[in-house]
PDB file of N, CA and C in Angstrom:
ATOM      1  N   UNK A   1       0.849  -1.170   0.000  1.00  0.00           N
ATOM      2  CA  UNK A   1       0.000   0.000   0.000  1.00  0.00           C
ATOM      3  C   UNK A   1       0.898   1.236   0.000  1.00  0.00           C
ATOM      4  N   UNK A   2       0.495   2.219  -0.755  1.00  0.00           N
ATOM      5  CA  UNK A   2       1.260   3.459  -0.822  1.00  0.00           C
ATOM      6  C   UNK A   2       1.194   4.186   0.525  1.00  0.00           C
ATOM      7  N   UNK A   3       2.275   4.808   0.899  1.00  0.00           N
ATOM      8  CA  UNK A   3       2.383   5.499   2.190  1.00  0.00           C
ATOM      9  C   UNK A   3       1.331   6.599   2.339  1.00  0.00           C
ATOM     10  N   UNK A   4       1.163   7.390   1.294  1.00  0.00           N
ATOM     11  CA  UNK A   4       0.213   8.498   1.327  1.00  0.00           C
ATOM     12  C   UNK A   4      -1.213   7.980   1.578  1.00  0.00           C
ATOM     13  N   UNK A   5      -1.551   6.902   0.918  1.00  0.00           N
ATOM     14  CA  UNK A   5      -2.865   6.284   1.053  1.00  0.00           C
ATOM     15  C   UNK A   5      -3.064   5.729   2.470  1.00  0.00           C
ATOM     16  N   UNK A   6      -2.030   5.126   3.025  1.00  0.00           N
ATOM     17  CA  UNK A   6      -2.110   4.548   4.367  1.00  0.00           C
ATOM     18  C   UNK A   6      -2.258   5.643   5.426  1.00  0.00           C
ATOM     19  N   UNK A   7      -1.520   6.728   5.294  1.00  0.00           N
ATOM     20  CA  UNK A   7      -1.623   7.820   6.261  1.00  0.00           C
ATOM     21  C   UNK A   7      -3.005   8.463   6.207  1.00  0.00           C
ATOM     22  N   UNK A   8      -3.577   8.541   5.011  1.00  0.00           N
ATOM     23  CA  UNK A   8      -4.937   9.072   4.869  1.00  0.00           C
ATOM     24  C   UNK A   8      -5.926   8.154   5.583  1.00  0.00           C
ATOM     25  N   UNK A   9      -5.721   6.860   5.470  1.00  0.00           N
ATOM     26  CA  UNK A   9      -6.568   5.876   6.154  1.00  0.00           C
ATOM     27  C   UNK A   9      -6.486   6.056   7.673  1.00  0.00           C
ATOM     28  N   UNK A  10      -5.277   6.264   8.180  1.00  0.00           N
ATOM     29  CA  UNK A  10      -5.107   6.475   9.626  1.00  0.00           C
ATOM     30  C   UNK A  10      -5.851   7.731  10.082  1.00  0.00           C
ATOM     31  N   UNK A  11      -5.722   8.810   9.316  1.00  0.00           N
ATOM     32  CA  UNK A  11      -6.390  10.066   9.681  1.00  0.00           C
ATOM     33  C   UNK A  11      -7.913   9.935   9.673  1.00  0.00           C
ATOM     34  N   UNK A  12      -8.453   9.231   8.693  1.00  0.00           N
ATOM     35  CA  UNK A  12      -9.907   9.084   8.611  1.00  0.00           C
ATOM     36  C   UNK A  12     -10.466   8.258   9.766  1.00  0.00           C
ATOM     37  N   UNK A  13      -9.623   7.456  10.394  1.00  0.00           N
ATOM     38  CA  UNK A  13     -10.055   6.672  11.551  1.00  0.00           C
ATOM     39  C   UNK A  13      -9.670   7.331  12.872  1.00  0.00           C
ATOM     40  N   UNK A  14      -9.340   8.613  12.819  1.00  0.00           N
ATOM     41  CA  UNK A  14      -9.130   9.382  14.039  1.00  0.00           C
ATOM     42  C   UNK A  14      -7.717   9.400  14.588  1.00  0.00           C
ATOM     43  N   UNK A  15      -6.784   8.737  13.934  1.00  0.00           N
ATOM     44  CA  UNK A  15      -5.401   8.720  14.420  1.00  0.00           C
ATOM     45  C   UNK A  15      -4.705  10.018  14.036  1.00  0.00           C
ATOM     46  N   UNK A  16      -3.681  10.373  14.801  1.00  0.00           N
ATOM     47  CA  UNK A  16      -2.922  11.583  14.504  1.00  0.00           C
ATOM     48  C   UNK A  16      -1.435  11.330  14.714  1.00  0.00           C
ATOM     49  N   UNK A  17      -0.617  12.159  14.083  1.00  0.00           N
ATOM     50  CA  UNK A  17       0.834  12.066  14.196  1.00  0.00           C
ATOM     51  C   UNK A  17       1.255  12.620  15.541  1.00  0.00           C
ATOM     52  N   UNK A  18       1.840  11.768  16.368  1.00  0.00           N
ATOM     53  CA  UNK A  18       2.286  12.200  17.694  1.00  0.00           C
ATOM     54  C   UNK A  18       3.645  12.889  17.604  1.00  0.00           C
ATOM     55  N   UNK A  19       4.605  12.224  16.928  1.00  0.00           N
ATOM     56  CA  UNK A  19       5.914  12.842  16.731  1.00  0.00           C
ATOM     57  C   UNK A  19       6.676  12.096  15.651  1.00  0.00           C
ATOM     58  N   UNK A  20       7.687  12.748  15.127  1.00  0.00           N
ATOM     59  CA  UNK A  20       8.566  12.147  14.120  1.00  0.00           C
ATOM     60  C   UNK A  20       9.808  11.597  14.806  1.00  0.00           C
ATOM     61  N   UNK A  21      10.212  10.415  14.413  1.00  0.00           N
ATOM     62  CA  UNK A  21      11.454   9.838  14.889  1.00  0.00           C
ATOM     63  C   UNK A  21      12.495   9.928  13.800  1.00  0.00           C
ATOM     64  N   UNK A  22      13.558   9.172  13.927  1.00  0.00           N
ATOM     65  CA  UNK A  22      14.608   9.194  12.917  1.00  0.00           C
ATOM     66  C   UNK A  22      14.160   8.519  11.620  1.00  0.00           C
ATOM     67  N   UNK A  23      13.657   7.293  11.735  1.00  0.00           N
ATOM     68  CA  UNK A  23      13.224   6.578  10.536  1.00  0.00           C
ATOM     69  C   UNK A  23      11.763   6.150  10.600  1.00  0.00           C
ATOM     70  N   UNK A  24      11.082   6.473  11.690  1.00  0.00           N
ATOM     71  CA  UNK A  24       9.679   6.125  11.860  1.00  0.00           C
ATOM     72  C   UNK A  24       8.899   7.333  12.359  1.00  0.00           C
ATOM     73  N   UNK A  25       7.602   7.302  12.145  1.00  0.00           N
ATOM     74  CA  UNK A  25       6.698   8.303  12.686  1.00  0.00           C
ATOM     75  C   UNK A  25       5.809   7.604  13.704  1.00  0.00           C
ATOM     76  N   UNK A  26       5.550   8.242  14.825  1.00  0.00           N
ATOM     77  CA  UNK A  26       4.687   7.651  15.833  1.00  0.00           C
ATOM     78  C   UNK A  26       3.277   8.202  15.677  1.00  0.00           C
ATOM     79  N   UNK A  27       2.330   7.301  15.469  1.00  0.00           N
ATOM     80  CA  UNK A  27       0.931   7.664  15.310  1.00  0.00           C
ATOM     81  C   UNK A  27       0.155   7.156  16.514  1.00  0.00           C
ATOM     82  N   UNK A  28      -0.821   7.941  16.931  1.00  0.00           N
ATOM     83  CA  UNK A  28      -1.601   7.633  18.123  1.00  0.00           C
ATOM     84  C   UNK A  28      -3.086   7.554  17.779  1.00  0.00           C
ATOM     85  N   UNK A  29      -3.772   6.620  18.410  1.00  0.00           N
ATOM     86  CA  UNK A  29      -5.226   6.526  18.307  1.00  0.00           C
ATOM     87  C   UNK A  29      -5.778   7.086  19.616  1.00  0.00           C
ATOM     88  N   UNK A  30      -6.347   8.290  19.608  1.00  0.00           N
ATOM     89  CA  UNK A  30      -6.803   8.916  20.845  1.00  0.00           C
ATOM     90  C   UNK A  30      -7.984   8.194  21.495  1.00  0.00           C
ATOM     91  N   UNK A  31      -8.704   7.372  20.752  1.00  0.00           N
ATOM     92  CA  UNK A  31      -9.839   6.645  21.314  1.00  0.00           C
ATOM     93  C   UNK A  31      -9.409   5.640  22.375  1.00  0.00           C
ATOM     94  N   UNK A  32      -8.210   5.068  22.205  1.00  0.00           N
ATOM     95  CA  UNK A  32      -7.743   4.069  23.166  1.00  0.00           C
ATOM     96  C   UNK A  32      -6.330   4.341  23.687  1.00  0.00           C
ATOM     97  N   UNK A  33      -5.677   5.384  23.186  1.00  0.00           N
ATOM     98  CA  UNK A  33      -4.343   5.749  23.657  1.00  0.00           C
ATOM     99  C   UNK A  33      -3.219   4.898  23.114  1.00  0.00           C
ATOM    100  N   UNK A  34      -3.503   4.042  22.134  1.00  0.00           N
ATOM    101  CA  UNK A  34      -2.469   3.178  21.554  1.00  0.00           C
ATOM    102  C   UNK A  34      -1.565   3.991  20.634  1.00  0.00           C
ATOM    103  N   UNK A  35      -0.268   3.687  20.681  1.00  0.00           N
ATOM    104  CA  UNK A  35       0.735   4.363  19.848  1.00  0.00           C
ATOM    105  C   UNK A  35       1.461   3.299  19.035  1.00  0.00           C
ATOM    106  N   UNK A  36       1.696   3.596  17.753  1.00  0.00           N
ATOM    107  CA  UNK A  36       2.359   2.649  16.869  1.00  0.00           C
ATOM    108  C   UNK A  36       3.348   3.371  15.971  1.00  0.00           C
ATOM    109  N   UNK A  37       4.512   2.760  15.752  1.00  0.00           N
ATOM    110  CA  UNK A  37       5.527   3.314  14.860  1.00  0.00           C
ATOM    111  C   UNK A  37       5.198   2.935  13.417  1.00  0.00           C
ATOM    112  N   UNK A  38       5.221   3.923  12.526  1.00  0.00           N
ATOM    113  CA  UNK A  38       4.958   3.717  11.102  1.00  0.00           C
ATOM    114  C   UNK A  38       6.252   4.048  10.355  1.00  0.00           C
ATOM    115  N   UNK A  39       6.821   3.088   9.603  1.00  0.00           N
ATOM    116  CA  UNK A  39       8.058   3.371   8.869  1.00  0.00           C
ATOM    117  C   UNK A  39       7.812   4.370   7.743  1.00  0.00           C
ATOM    118  N   UNK A  40       8.822   5.163   7.439  1.00  0.00           N
ATOM    119  CA  UNK A  40       8.715   6.155   6.368  1.00  0.00           C
ATOM    120  C   UNK A  40       9.295   5.592   5.078  1.00  0.00           C
ATOM    121  N   UNK A  41       8.517   4.770   4.397  1.00  0.00           N
ATOM    122  CA  UNK A  41       8.880   4.214   3.103  1.00  0.00           C
ATOM    123  C   UNK A  41       7.801   4.631   2.106  1.00  0.00           C
ATOM    124  N   UNK A  42       8.105   4.551   0.827  1.00  0.00           N
ATOM    125  CA  UNK A  42       7.096   4.909  -0.165  1.00  0.00           C
ATOM    126  C   UNK A  42       6.000   3.852  -0.238  1.00  0.00           C
ATOM    127  N   UNK A  43       6.327   2.606   0.059  1.00  0.00           N
ATOM    128  CA  UNK A  43       5.364   1.502   0.067  1.00  0.00           C
ATOM    129  C   UNK A  43       5.450   0.784   1.405  1.00  0.00           C
ATOM    130  N   UNK A  44       4.297   0.347   1.892  1.00  0.00           N
ATOM    131  CA  UNK A  44       4.233  -0.434   3.123  1.00  0.00           C
ATOM    132  C   UNK A  44       3.569  -1.754   2.771  1.00  0.00           C
ATOM    133  N   UNK A  45       4.164  -2.861   3.206  1.00  0.00           N
ATOM    134  CA  UNK A  45       3.611  -4.168   2.856  1.00  0.00           C
ATOM    135  C   UNK A  45       2.226  -4.350   3.479  1.00  0.00           C
ATOM    136  N   UNK A  46       1.411  -5.150   2.822  1.00  0.00           N
ATOM    137  CA  UNK A  46       0.048  -5.390   3.299  1.00  0.00           C
ATOM    138  C   UNK A  46       0.045  -6.065   4.670  1.00  0.00           C
ATOM    139  N   UNK A  47       1.008  -6.931   4.900  1.00  0.00           N
ATOM    140  CA  UNK A  47       1.108  -7.600   6.195  1.00  0.00           C
ATOM    141  C   UNK A  47       1.396  -6.599   7.310  1.00  0.00           C
ATOM    142  N   UNK A  48       2.278  -5.644   7.051  1.00  0.00           N
ATOM    143  CA  UNK A  48       2.607  -4.618   8.039  1.00  0.00           C
ATOM    144  C   UNK A  48       1.420  -3.678   8.259  1.00  0.00           C
ATOM    145  N   UNK A  49       0.709  -3.333   7.207  1.00  0.00           N
ATOM    146  CA  UNK A  49      -0.483  -2.484   7.324  1.00  0.00           C
ATOM    147  C   UNK A  49      -1.512  -3.175   8.212  1.00  0.00           C
ATOM    148  N   UNK A  50      -1.698  -4.467   7.987  1.00  0.00           N
ATOM    149  CA  UNK A  50      -2.656  -5.246   8.779  1.00  0.00           C
ATOM    150  C   UNK A  50      -2.256  -5.266  10.256  1.00  0.00           C
ATOM    151  N   UNK A  51      -0.965  -5.455  10.519  1.00  0.00           N
ATOM    152  CA  UNK A  51      -0.478  -5.507  11.899  1.00  0.00           C
ATOM    153  C   UNK A  51      -0.632  -4.159  12.601  1.00  0.00           C
ATOM    154  N   UNK A  52      -0.327  -3.065  11.894  1.00  0.00           N
ATOM    155  CA  UNK A  52      -0.429  -1.724  12.469  1.00  0.00           C
ATOM    156  C   UNK A  52      -1.888  -1.403  12.786  1.00  0.00           C
ATOM    157  N   UNK A  53      -2.783  -1.716  11.856  1.00  0.00           N
ATOM    158  CA  UNK A  53      -4.211  -1.446  12.087  1.00  0.00           C
ATOM    159  C   UNK A  53      -4.733  -2.257  13.267  1.00  0.00           C
ATOM    160  N   UNK A  54      -4.273  -3.485  13.397  1.00  0.00           N
ATOM    161  CA  UNK A  54      -4.689  -4.327  14.519  1.00  0.00           C
ATOM    162  C   UNK A  54      -4.185  -3.742  15.837  1.00  0.00           C
ATOM    163  N   UNK A  55      -2.950  -3.269  15.858  1.00  0.00           N
ATOM    164  CA  UNK A  55      -2.366  -2.691  17.075  1.00  0.00           C
ATOM    165  C   UNK A  55      -3.074  -1.405  17.478  1.00  0.00           C
ATOM    166  N   UNK A  56      -3.440  -0.586  16.482  1.00  0.00           N
ATOM    167  CA  UNK A  56      -4.128   0.678  16.763  1.00  0.00           C
ATOM    168  C   UNK A  56      -5.638   0.488  16.967  1.00  0.00           C
ATOM    169  N   UNK A  57      -6.103  -0.741  16.709  1.00  0.00           N
ATOM    170  CA  UNK A  57      -7.511  -1.108  16.853  1.00  0.00           C
ATOM    171  C   UNK A  57      -8.415  -0.287  15.941  1.00  0.00           C
ATOM    172  N   UNK A  58      -8.044  -0.234  14.647  1.00  0.00           N
ATOM    173  CA  UNK A  58      -8.870   0.420  13.640  1.00  0.00           C
ATOM    174  C   UNK A  58      -9.165  -0.594  12.538  1.00  0.00           C
ATOM    175  N   UNK A  59     -10.112  -0.274  11.668  1.00  0.00           N
ATOM    176  CA  UNK A  59     -10.481  -1.156  10.564  1.00  0.00           C
ATOM    177  C   UNK A  59      -9.355  -1.249   9.533  1.00  0.00           C
ATOM    178  N   UNK A  60      -9.305  -2.378   8.857  1.00  0.00           N
ATOM    179  CA  UNK A  60      -8.319  -2.564   7.793  1.00  0.00           C
ATOM    180  C   UNK A  60      -8.741  -1.775   6.558  1.00  0.00           C
ATOM    181  N   UNK A  61      -7.782  -1.280   5.780  1.00  0.00           N
ATOM    182  CA  UNK A  61      -8.129  -0.573   4.542  1.00  0.00           C
ATOM    183  C   UNK A  61      -8.720  -1.541   3.518  1.00  0.00           C
ATOM    184  N   UNK A  62      -9.590  -1.037   2.691  1.00  0.00           N
ATOM    185  CA  UNK A  62     -10.251  -1.851   1.656  1.00  0.00           C
ATOM    186  C   UNK A  62      -9.350  -2.046   0.473  1.00  0.00           C
TER     187      UNK A  62
END
């Protein structure tokens, strides 16, 4: 999945960028307080997208 598309998916489900790291960005789901590191690559594998969405407790992208 393209990075831009994935970040848009996170925003539409209420997540926000908490802070930038060296090679990852930390995104937070304010509904449950979960924080997850998102790598800064142009493409993110579907398996990683699935794992991140599960950790943040949001729906998977279509």
